[in-house]
Amino acid sequence: MECRKLELTINSANDLRHVRRIFKMKVYAKVVIGGNQEMEKRTPVDKHGRTSPAWNYTMRYSIGEPWLQHHGTMLVIKLYCKRKLGDRYIGEVHQSLKQLYDYAYPLGGSAVVCFPVQIGCAESQGQLCFSYKFGDMVAIDKLMLAESIASFLATGPDGAV
């Protein structure tokens, strides 16, 4: 099986819906690809931007080539406001990986995009901007071997840092 590396940088959001009444908003993003919760990653919490947070946080994924050929494989970025009594949902962005790949391919495999933050089916408030880059196709066996070697070198044979 073959796959590609995806480097996704969540840059910023602006004009988000204000979901706190008293305290200032502290926003983070959760990213899930293809509905696979094991691939979920988060940005750090932006404590200063309020309704216009900035992260410039990069996440790396290995994406199977069949996922890039299927329109149903979605990149989902959900925004939340951090709170002590449970985080509050702000909104989300859904984009097809195939559409993102098809858009970036003629540009050398990378792009910077901004999409409206959806709340429910039709309503939107604010924008989320991110950049992404697809790497060259590699055999998954080589990729797994390289990641195993890198992990071993970083942690040592007993798994200690």
N, C-alpha and C. Protein backbone atom coordinates (compact mmCIF):
# COMPACT_ATOMS: atom_id res chain seq x y z
N MET A 1 0.84 -1.18 0.00
CA MET A 1 0.00 0.00 0.00
C MET A 1 0.88 1.24 0.00
N GLU A 2 0.42 2.26 -0.68
CA GLU A 2 1.18 3.50 -0.76
C GLU A 2 0.46 4.62 -0.03
N CYS A 3 1.24 5.57 0.45
CA CYS A 3 0.64 6.70 1.17
C CYS A 3 1.45 7.96 0.91
N ARG A 4 0.92 9.05 1.38
CA ARG A 4 1.58 10.35 1.29
C ARG A 4 1.62 10.97 2.67
N LYS A 5 2.64 11.74 2.91
CA LYS A 5 2.71 12.54 4.13
C LYS A 5 1.88 13.79 3.89
N LEU A 6 1.14 14.19 4.90
CA LEU A 6 0.40 15.44 4.87
C LEU A 6 0.88 16.28 6.03
N GLU A 7 1.35 17.48 5.71
CA GLU A 7 1.76 18.43 6.72
C GLU A 7 0.70 19.53 6.75
N LEU A 8 -0.02 19.61 7.85
CA LEU A 8 -1.14 20.54 7.99
C LEU A 8 -0.80 21.56 9.07
N THR A 9 -0.85 22.84 8.72
CA THR A 9 -0.59 23.91 9.68
C THR A 9 -1.86 24.71 9.89
N ILE A 10 -2.39 24.65 11.11
CA ILE A 10 -3.56 25.46 11.45
C ILE A 10 -3.02 26.85 11.80
N ASN A 11 -3.29 27.81 10.92
CA ASN A 11 -2.71 29.15 11.07
C ASN A 11 -3.51 30.02 12.03
N SER A 12 -4.75 30.33 11.67
CA SER A 12 -5.52 31.27 12.48
C SER A 12 -7.00 31.19 12.14
N ALA A 13 -7.78 31.89 12.93
CA ALA A 13 -9.21 32.06 12.68
C ALA A 13 -9.53 33.52 12.99
N ASN A 14 -10.63 34.00 12.43
CA ASN A 14 -11.02 35.37 12.74
C ASN A 14 -12.53 35.51 12.76
N ASP A 15 -12.97 36.48 13.54
CA ASP A 15 -14.39 36.80 13.69
C ASP A 15 -15.24 35.61 14.11
N LEU A 16 -14.72 34.80 15.03
CA LEU A 16 -15.48 33.65 15.51
C LEU A 16 -16.63 34.09 16.40
N ARG A 17 -17.60 33.23 16.52
CA ARG A 17 -18.74 33.46 17.40
C ARG A 17 -18.24 33.50 18.85
N HIS A 18 -18.63 34.54 19.59
CA HIS A 18 -18.21 34.69 20.99
C HIS A 18 -19.09 33.80 21.84
N VAL A 19 -18.50 32.78 22.48
CA VAL A 19 -19.29 31.80 23.23
C VAL A 19 -19.15 31.93 24.74
N ARG A 20 -18.43 32.93 25.21
CA ARG A 20 -18.29 33.15 26.66
C ARG A 20 -18.90 34.49 27.03
N ARG A 21 -19.59 34.53 28.13
CA ARG A 21 -20.25 35.76 28.56
C ARG A 21 -19.33 36.61 29.45
N ILE A 22 -18.59 35.97 30.35
CA ILE A 22 -17.83 36.72 31.35
C ILE A 22 -16.34 36.74 31.05
N PHE A 23 -15.75 35.59 30.89
CA PHE A 23 -14.29 35.50 30.71
C PHE A 23 -13.93 35.54 29.24
N LYS A 24 -12.64 35.78 28.97
CA LYS A 24 -12.20 35.83 27.58
C LYS A 24 -12.11 34.42 26.98
N MET A 25 -12.26 34.35 25.68
CA MET A 25 -12.21 33.06 25.00
C MET A 25 -10.78 32.56 24.88
N LYS A 26 -10.61 31.26 25.06
CA LYS A 26 -9.34 30.56 24.88
C LYS A 26 -9.64 29.42 23.91
N VAL A 27 -9.19 29.56 22.66
CA VAL A 27 -9.65 28.68 21.58
C VAL A 27 -8.57 27.68 21.17
N TYR A 28 -9.03 26.44 20.89
CA TYR A 28 -8.15 25.43 20.31
C TYR A 28 -8.92 24.71 19.20
N ALA A 29 -8.18 23.98 18.38
CA ALA A 29 -8.77 23.24 17.26
C ALA A 29 -8.47 21.76 17.40
N LYS A 30 -9.46 20.92 17.09
CA LYS A 30 -9.30 19.47 17.00
C LYS A 30 -9.37 19.10 15.53
N VAL A 31 -8.44 18.26 15.07
CA VAL A 31 -8.41 17.84 13.67
C VAL A 31 -8.59 16.33 13.61
N VAL A 32 -9.53 15.89 12.76
CA VAL A 32 -9.76 14.47 12.51
C VAL A 32 -9.82 14.26 11.00
N ILE A 33 -9.19 13.20 10.53
CA ILE A 33 -9.19 12.87 9.11
C ILE A 33 -9.91 11.55 8.91
N GLY A 34 -10.87 11.56 8.00
CA GLY A 34 -11.59 10.34 7.65
C GLY A 34 -12.39 9.74 8.78
N GLY A 35 -12.75 10.52 9.77
CA GLY A 35 -13.53 10.03 10.89
C GLY A 35 -12.75 9.12 11.83
N ASN A 36 -11.45 8.98 11.62
CA ASN A 36 -10.61 8.10 12.42
C ASN A 36 -10.17 8.85 13.69
N GLN A 37 -10.81 8.54 14.82
CA GLN A 37 -10.52 9.24 16.07
C GLN A 37 -9.10 8.99 16.56
N GLU A 38 -8.47 7.89 16.11
CA GLU A 38 -7.09 7.61 16.50
C GLU A 38 -6.13 8.62 15.86
N MET A 39 -6.56 9.26 14.78
CA MET A 39 -5.72 10.26 14.10
C MET A 39 -5.99 11.68 14.62
N GLU A 40 -6.83 11.81 15.65
CA GLU A 40 -7.18 13.13 16.15
C GLU A 40 -5.96 13.82 16.76
N LYS A 41 -5.79 15.07 16.39
CA LYS A 41 -4.73 15.90 16.97
C LYS A 41 -5.32 17.25 17.33
N ARG A 42 -4.65 17.96 18.26
CA ARG A 42 -5.14 19.26 18.73
C ARG A 42 -4.05 20.30 18.65
N THR A 43 -4.49 21.53 18.48
CA THR A 43 -3.57 22.65 18.60
C THR A 43 -3.45 23.01 20.07
N PRO A 44 -2.43 23.76 20.44
CA PRO A 44 -2.42 24.33 21.79
C PRO A 44 -3.56 25.36 21.91
N VAL A 45 -3.89 25.73 23.12
CA VAL A 45 -4.93 26.73 23.36
C VAL A 45 -4.34 28.11 23.14
N ASP A 46 -5.03 28.92 22.31
CA ASP A 46 -4.63 30.32 22.14
C ASP A 46 -5.32 31.11 23.25
N LYS A 47 -4.54 31.72 24.12
CA LYS A 47 -5.10 32.42 25.28
C LYS A 47 -5.24 33.92 25.07
N HIS A 48 -4.80 34.43 23.93
CA HIS A 48 -4.76 35.89 23.76
C HIS A 48 -5.62 36.40 22.61
N GLY A 49 -5.89 35.58 21.61
CA GLY A 49 -6.57 36.06 20.41
C GLY A 49 -8.06 36.23 20.52
N ARG A 50 -8.65 35.64 21.55
CA ARG A 50 -10.10 35.70 21.79
C ARG A 50 -10.87 35.20 20.57
N THR A 51 -11.62 36.05 19.86
CA THR A 51 -12.41 35.60 18.71
C THR A 51 -11.59 35.56 17.43
N SER A 52 -10.32 35.92 17.49
CA SER A 52 -9.41 35.84 16.34
C SER A 52 -8.09 35.18 16.77
N PRO A 53 -8.15 33.88 17.11
CA PRO A 53 -6.95 33.20 17.60
C PRO A 53 -5.93 32.92 16.49
N ALA A 54 -4.67 32.75 16.89
CA ALA A 54 -3.60 32.37 15.96
C ALA A 54 -2.79 31.25 16.61
N TRP A 55 -2.54 30.21 15.85
CA TRP A 55 -1.78 29.07 16.38
C TRP A 55 -0.48 28.84 15.62
N ASN A 56 -0.55 28.83 14.29
CA ASN A 56 0.60 28.46 13.45
C ASN A 56 1.20 27.14 13.94
N TYR A 57 0.32 26.17 14.14
CA TYR A 57 0.69 24.87 14.70
C TYR A 57 0.64 23.81 13.60
N THR A 58 1.73 23.07 13.46
CA THR A 58 1.85 22.07 12.40
C THR A 58 1.62 20.67 12.93
N MET A 59 0.84 19.90 12.16
CA MET A 59 0.55 18.50 12.46
C MET A 59 0.95 17.67 11.25
N ARG A 60 1.42 16.46 11.50
CA ARG A 60 1.85 15.60 10.41
C ARG A 60 1.03 14.30 10.43
N TYR A 61 0.61 13.89 9.24
CA TYR A 61 -0.18 12.67 9.07
C TYR A 61 0.40 11.84 7.94
N SER A 62 0.14 10.54 7.98
CA SER A 62 0.39 9.64 6.86
C SER A 62 -0.98 9.26 6.31
N ILE A 63 -1.21 9.58 5.04
CA ILE A 63 -2.52 9.39 4.42
C ILE A 63 -2.41 8.31 3.35
N GLY A 64 -3.21 7.25 3.46
CA GLY A 64 -3.25 6.21 2.44
C GLY A 64 -3.72 6.78 1.11
N GLU A 65 -3.10 6.36 0.03
CA GLU A 65 -3.45 6.86 -1.30
C GLU A 65 -4.93 6.66 -1.64
N PRO A 66 -5.56 5.55 -1.24
CA PRO A 66 -7.00 5.41 -1.53
C PRO A 66 -7.85 6.51 -0.88
N TRP A 67 -7.41 7.02 0.27
CA TRP A 67 -8.16 8.11 0.91
C TRP A 67 -8.15 9.36 0.06
N LEU A 68 -7.09 9.57 -0.69
CA LEU A 68 -7.00 10.78 -1.53
C LEU A 68 -7.82 10.66 -2.80
N GLN A 69 -8.24 9.47 -3.14
CA GLN A 69 -9.01 9.26 -4.36
C GLN A 69 -10.51 9.17 -4.10
N HIS A 70 -10.91 9.23 -2.85
CA HIS A 70 -12.31 9.08 -2.47
C HIS A 70 -12.86 10.42 -1.98
N HIS A 71 -13.93 10.90 -2.60
CA HIS A 71 -14.51 12.20 -2.21
C HIS A 71 -15.07 12.21 -0.79
N GLY A 72 -15.35 11.04 -0.23
CA GLY A 72 -15.97 10.98 1.09
C GLY A 72 -15.00 11.10 2.25
N THR A 73 -13.70 11.08 2.00
CA THR A 73 -12.73 11.20 3.08
C THR A 73 -12.59 12.68 3.44
N MET A 74 -13.02 13.01 4.64
CA MET A 74 -13.09 14.42 5.03
C MET A 74 -12.02 14.80 6.04
N LEU A 75 -11.51 16.01 5.88
CA LEU A 75 -10.70 16.67 6.89
C LEU A 75 -11.68 17.52 7.70
N VAL A 76 -11.76 17.26 9.01
CA VAL A 76 -12.70 17.99 9.86
C VAL A 76 -11.89 18.72 10.93
N ILE A 77 -12.08 20.03 11.00
CA ILE A 77 -11.42 20.85 12.01
C ILE A 77 -12.52 21.49 12.85
N LYS A 78 -12.56 21.11 14.13
CA LYS A 78 -13.57 21.64 15.05
C LYS A 78 -12.90 22.60 16.02
N LEU A 79 -13.54 23.73 16.23
CA LEU A 79 -13.02 24.75 17.14
C LEU A 79 -13.81 24.72 18.45
N TYR A 80 -13.05 24.83 19.56
CA TYR A 80 -13.64 24.81 20.89
C TYR A 80 -13.05 25.93 21.73
N CYS A 81 -13.85 26.39 22.69
CA CYS A 81 -13.40 27.34 23.69
C CYS A 81 -13.13 26.55 24.97
N LYS A 82 -11.92 26.66 25.49
CA LYS A 82 -11.51 25.95 26.70
C LYS A 82 -12.20 26.58 27.91
N ARG A 83 -12.84 25.72 28.75
CA ARG A 83 -13.49 26.17 29.97
C ARG A 83 -13.31 25.14 31.06
N LYS A 84 -13.33 25.56 32.29
CA LYS A 84 -13.19 24.63 33.42
C LYS A 84 -14.39 23.70 33.54
N LEU A 85 -15.57 24.18 33.22
CA LEU A 85 -16.79 23.37 33.35
C LEU A 85 -17.16 22.65 32.06
N GLY A 86 -16.19 22.37 31.23
CA GLY A 86 -16.44 21.70 29.95
C GLY A 86 -16.26 22.66 28.80
N ASP A 87 -15.56 22.21 27.80
CA ASP A 87 -15.26 23.06 26.66
C ASP A 87 -16.52 23.32 25.84
N ARG A 88 -16.59 24.51 25.24
CA ARG A 88 -17.76 24.90 24.48
C ARG A 88 -17.44 24.90 22.99
N TYR A 89 -18.31 24.25 22.24
CA TYR A 89 -18.19 24.15 20.78
C TYR A 89 -18.40 25.51 20.13
N ILE A 90 -17.52 25.86 19.18
CA ILE A 90 -17.64 27.13 18.45
C ILE A 90 -18.16 26.90 17.04
N GLY A 91 -17.56 25.94 16.34
CA GLY A 91 -17.95 25.66 14.96
C GLY A 91 -16.92 24.74 14.31
N GLU A 92 -17.10 24.48 13.00
CA GLU A 92 -16.19 23.55 12.34
C GLU A 92 -16.09 23.81 10.85
N VAL A 93 -15.05 23.21 10.27
CA VAL A 93 -14.79 23.27 8.83
C VAL A 93 -14.67 21.83 8.35
N HIS A 94 -15.38 21.49 7.27
CA HIS A 94 -15.29 20.18 6.62
C HIS A 94 -14.78 20.37 5.20
N GLN A 95 -13.74 19.64 4.82
CA GLN A 95 -13.25 19.69 3.45
C GLN A 95 -12.82 18.29 3.01
N SER A 96 -13.12 17.96 1.78
CA SER A 96 -12.73 16.69 1.21
C SER A 96 -11.22 16.67 0.98
N LEU A 97 -10.55 15.59 1.42
CA LEU A 97 -9.11 15.47 1.17
C LEU A 97 -8.81 15.46 -0.32
N LYS A 98 -9.69 14.81 -1.09
CA LYS A 98 -9.48 14.76 -2.54
C LYS A 98 -9.52 16.16 -3.14
N GLN A 99 -10.48 16.97 -2.71
CA GLN A 99 -10.56 18.34 -3.23
C GLN A 99 -9.34 19.16 -2.83
N LEU A 100 -8.88 19.00 -1.60
CA LEU A 100 -7.68 19.71 -1.16
C LEU A 100 -6.47 19.27 -1.98
N TYR A 101 -6.35 17.96 -2.19
CA TYR A 101 -5.23 17.44 -2.97
C TYR A 101 -5.30 17.92 -4.42
N ASP A 102 -6.48 17.83 -5.03
CA ASP A 102 -6.65 18.27 -6.42
C ASP A 102 -6.36 19.76 -6.59
N TYR A 103 -6.71 20.55 -5.59
CA TYR A 103 -6.44 21.99 -5.63
C TYR A 103 -4.94 22.27 -5.52
N ALA A 104 -4.25 21.55 -4.63
CA ALA A 104 -2.84 21.82 -4.37
C ALA A 104 -1.90 21.18 -5.38
N TYR A 105 -2.31 20.09 -6.02
CA TYR A 105 -1.42 19.36 -6.92
C TYR A 105 -0.79 20.24 -8.00
N PRO A 106 -1.58 21.07 -8.73
CA PRO A 106 -0.96 21.93 -9.74
C PRO A 106 -0.05 23.02 -9.14
N LEU A 107 -0.19 23.29 -7.86
CA LEU A 107 0.61 24.32 -7.19
C LEU A 107 1.84 23.74 -6.52
N GLY A 108 2.20 22.50 -6.84
CA GLY A 108 3.36 21.87 -6.24
C GLY A 108 3.04 21.05 -5.00
N GLY A 109 1.76 20.81 -4.76
CA GLY A 109 1.35 19.97 -3.64
C GLY A 109 1.06 20.73 -2.36
N SER A 110 1.14 22.07 -2.38
CA SER A 110 0.85 22.82 -1.16
C SER A 110 -0.03 24.02 -1.47
N ALA A 111 -0.74 24.48 -0.44
CA ALA A 111 -1.64 25.63 -0.61
C ALA A 111 -1.95 26.23 0.74
N VAL A 112 -2.41 27.48 0.71
CA VAL A 112 -2.93 28.17 1.89
C VAL A 112 -4.38 28.50 1.56
N VAL A 113 -5.29 28.10 2.46
CA VAL A 113 -6.72 28.28 2.21
C VAL A 113 -7.42 28.83 3.44
N CYS A 114 -8.57 29.46 3.22
CA CYS A 114 -9.45 29.94 4.29
C CYS A 114 -10.86 29.49 3.98
N PHE A 115 -11.56 28.97 4.99
CA PHE A 115 -12.92 28.49 4.82
C PHE A 115 -13.80 29.06 5.92
N PRO A 116 -15.09 29.25 5.63
CA PRO A 116 -16.00 29.71 6.68
C PRO A 116 -16.20 28.64 7.75
N VAL A 117 -16.32 29.09 8.99
CA VAL A 117 -16.58 28.20 10.11
C VAL A 117 -18.09 27.99 10.18
N GLN A 118 -18.51 26.73 10.03
CA GLN A 118 -19.93 26.39 10.01
C GLN A 118 -20.42 26.09 11.42
N ILE A 119 -21.64 26.51 11.68
CA ILE A 119 -22.33 26.19 12.92
C ILE A 119 -23.66 25.57 12.49
N GLY A 120 -23.79 24.28 12.63
CA GLY A 120 -24.99 23.62 12.11
C GLY A 120 -24.91 23.48 10.60
N CYS A 121 -26.06 23.40 9.95
CA CYS A 121 -26.10 23.13 8.52
C CYS A 121 -25.81 24.35 7.65
N ALA A 122 -26.43 25.48 7.94
CA ALA A 122 -26.34 26.61 7.02
C ALA A 122 -25.63 27.82 7.60
N GLU A 123 -25.67 27.98 8.88
CA GLU A 123 -25.14 29.17 9.52
C GLU A 123 -23.61 29.14 9.54
N SER A 124 -22.98 30.28 9.34
CA SER A 124 -21.53 30.35 9.47
C SER A 124 -21.14 31.68 10.11
N GLN A 125 -20.05 31.65 10.84
CA GLN A 125 -19.53 32.86 11.44
C GLN A 125 -18.03 32.71 11.59
N GLY A 126 -17.30 33.61 10.97
CA GLY A 126 -15.85 33.59 11.04
C GLY A 126 -15.22 32.73 9.97
N GLN A 127 -13.89 32.76 9.94
CA GLN A 127 -13.11 32.00 8.98
C GLN A 127 -11.97 31.29 9.68
N LEU A 128 -11.58 30.16 9.12
CA LEU A 128 -10.43 29.41 9.59
C LEU A 128 -9.45 29.32 8.44
N CYS A 129 -8.19 29.68 8.68
CA CYS A 129 -7.16 29.63 7.65
C CYS A 129 -6.12 28.58 8.02
N PHE A 130 -5.76 27.76 7.05
CA PHE A 130 -4.72 26.76 7.27
C PHE A 130 -3.93 26.55 5.99
N SER A 131 -2.74 26.02 6.14
CA SER A 131 -1.91 25.67 4.99
C SER A 131 -1.63 24.18 5.07
N TYR A 132 -1.35 23.61 3.93
CA TYR A 132 -1.08 22.18 3.90
C TYR A 132 -0.14 21.85 2.76
N LYS A 133 0.53 20.71 2.91
CA LYS A 133 1.46 20.25 1.89
C LYS A 133 1.41 18.74 1.84
N PHE A 134 1.19 18.20 0.65
CA PHE A 134 1.23 16.76 0.45
C PHE A 134 2.62 16.38 -0.03
N GLY A 135 3.19 15.35 0.58
CA GLY A 135 4.49 14.85 0.17
C GLY A 135 4.37 13.88 -0.99
N ASP A 136 5.51 13.37 -1.46
CA ASP A 136 5.52 12.38 -2.53
C ASP A 136 4.96 11.07 -2.03
N MET A 137 4.50 10.25 -2.97
CA MET A 137 3.97 8.94 -2.63
C MET A 137 5.12 8.01 -2.23
N VAL A 138 4.94 7.27 -1.13
CA VAL A 138 5.94 6.30 -0.69
C VAL A 138 5.23 5.01 -0.32
N ALA A 139 5.97 3.91 -0.40
CA ALA A 139 5.42 2.62 0.03
C ALA A 139 5.29 2.65 1.54
N ILE A 140 4.21 2.13 2.06
CA ILE A 140 3.97 2.21 3.50
C ILE A 140 5.00 1.41 4.29
N ASP A 141 5.55 0.33 3.71
CA ASP A 141 6.57 -0.45 4.40
C ASP A 141 7.80 0.40 4.68
N LYS A 142 8.25 1.19 3.70
CA LYS A 142 9.40 2.07 3.88
C LYS A 142 9.09 3.16 4.90
N LEU A 143 7.89 3.69 4.85
CA LEU A 143 7.49 4.73 5.77
C LEU A 143 7.46 4.21 7.21
N MET A 144 6.89 3.03 7.41
CA MET A 144 6.83 2.47 8.76
C MET A 144 8.23 2.16 9.29
N LEU A 145 9.12 1.67 8.41
CA LEU A 145 10.49 1.39 8.83
C LEU A 145 11.19 2.68 9.24
N ALA A 146 11.04 3.74 8.44
CA ALA A 146 11.69 5.01 8.76
C ALA A 146 11.16 5.58 10.07
N GLU A 147 9.84 5.50 10.30
CA GLU A 147 9.27 6.02 11.54
C GLU A 147 9.73 5.19 12.74
N SER A 148 9.85 3.87 12.57
CA SER A 148 10.33 3.01 13.65
C SER A 148 11.76 3.34 14.02
N ILE A 149 12.61 3.56 13.01
CA ILE A 149 14.02 3.90 13.26
C ILE A 149 14.11 5.24 13.97
N ALA A 150 13.34 6.22 13.51
CA ALA A 150 13.35 7.55 14.12
C ALA A 150 12.88 7.47 15.58
N SER A 151 11.85 6.68 15.83
CA SER A 151 11.35 6.53 17.20
C SER A 151 12.39 5.85 18.09
N PHE A 152 13.06 4.82 17.56
CA PHE A 152 14.09 4.12 18.32
C PHE A 152 15.25 5.05 18.66
N LEU A 153 15.66 5.86 17.68
CA LEU A 153 16.77 6.78 17.91
C LEU A 153 16.42 7.86 18.93
N ALA A 154 15.15 8.27 18.93
CA ALA A 154 14.71 9.33 19.84
C ALA A 154 14.52 8.81 21.27
N THR A 155 14.08 7.57 21.41
CA THR A 155 13.74 7.07 22.74
C THR A 155 14.72 6.05 23.29
N GLY A 156 15.48 5.40 22.46
CA GLY A 156 16.39 4.36 22.92
C GLY A 156 15.69 3.01 22.94
N PRO A 157 16.44 1.91 23.17
CA PRO A 157 15.87 0.58 23.08
C PRO A 157 14.83 0.25 24.15
N ASP A 158 14.91 0.89 25.32
CA ASP A 158 13.97 0.59 26.38
C ASP A 158 12.77 1.53 26.39
N GLY A 159 12.69 2.46 25.42
CA GLY A 159 11.58 3.39 25.32
C GLY A 159 11.73 4.62 26.19
N ALA A 160 12.84 4.75 26.92
CA ALA A 160 13.05 5.94 27.76
C ALA A 160 13.66 7.05 26.93
N VAL A 161 13.31 8.26 27.28
CA VAL A 161 13.83 9.42 26.57
C VAL A 161 15.21 9.79 27.09
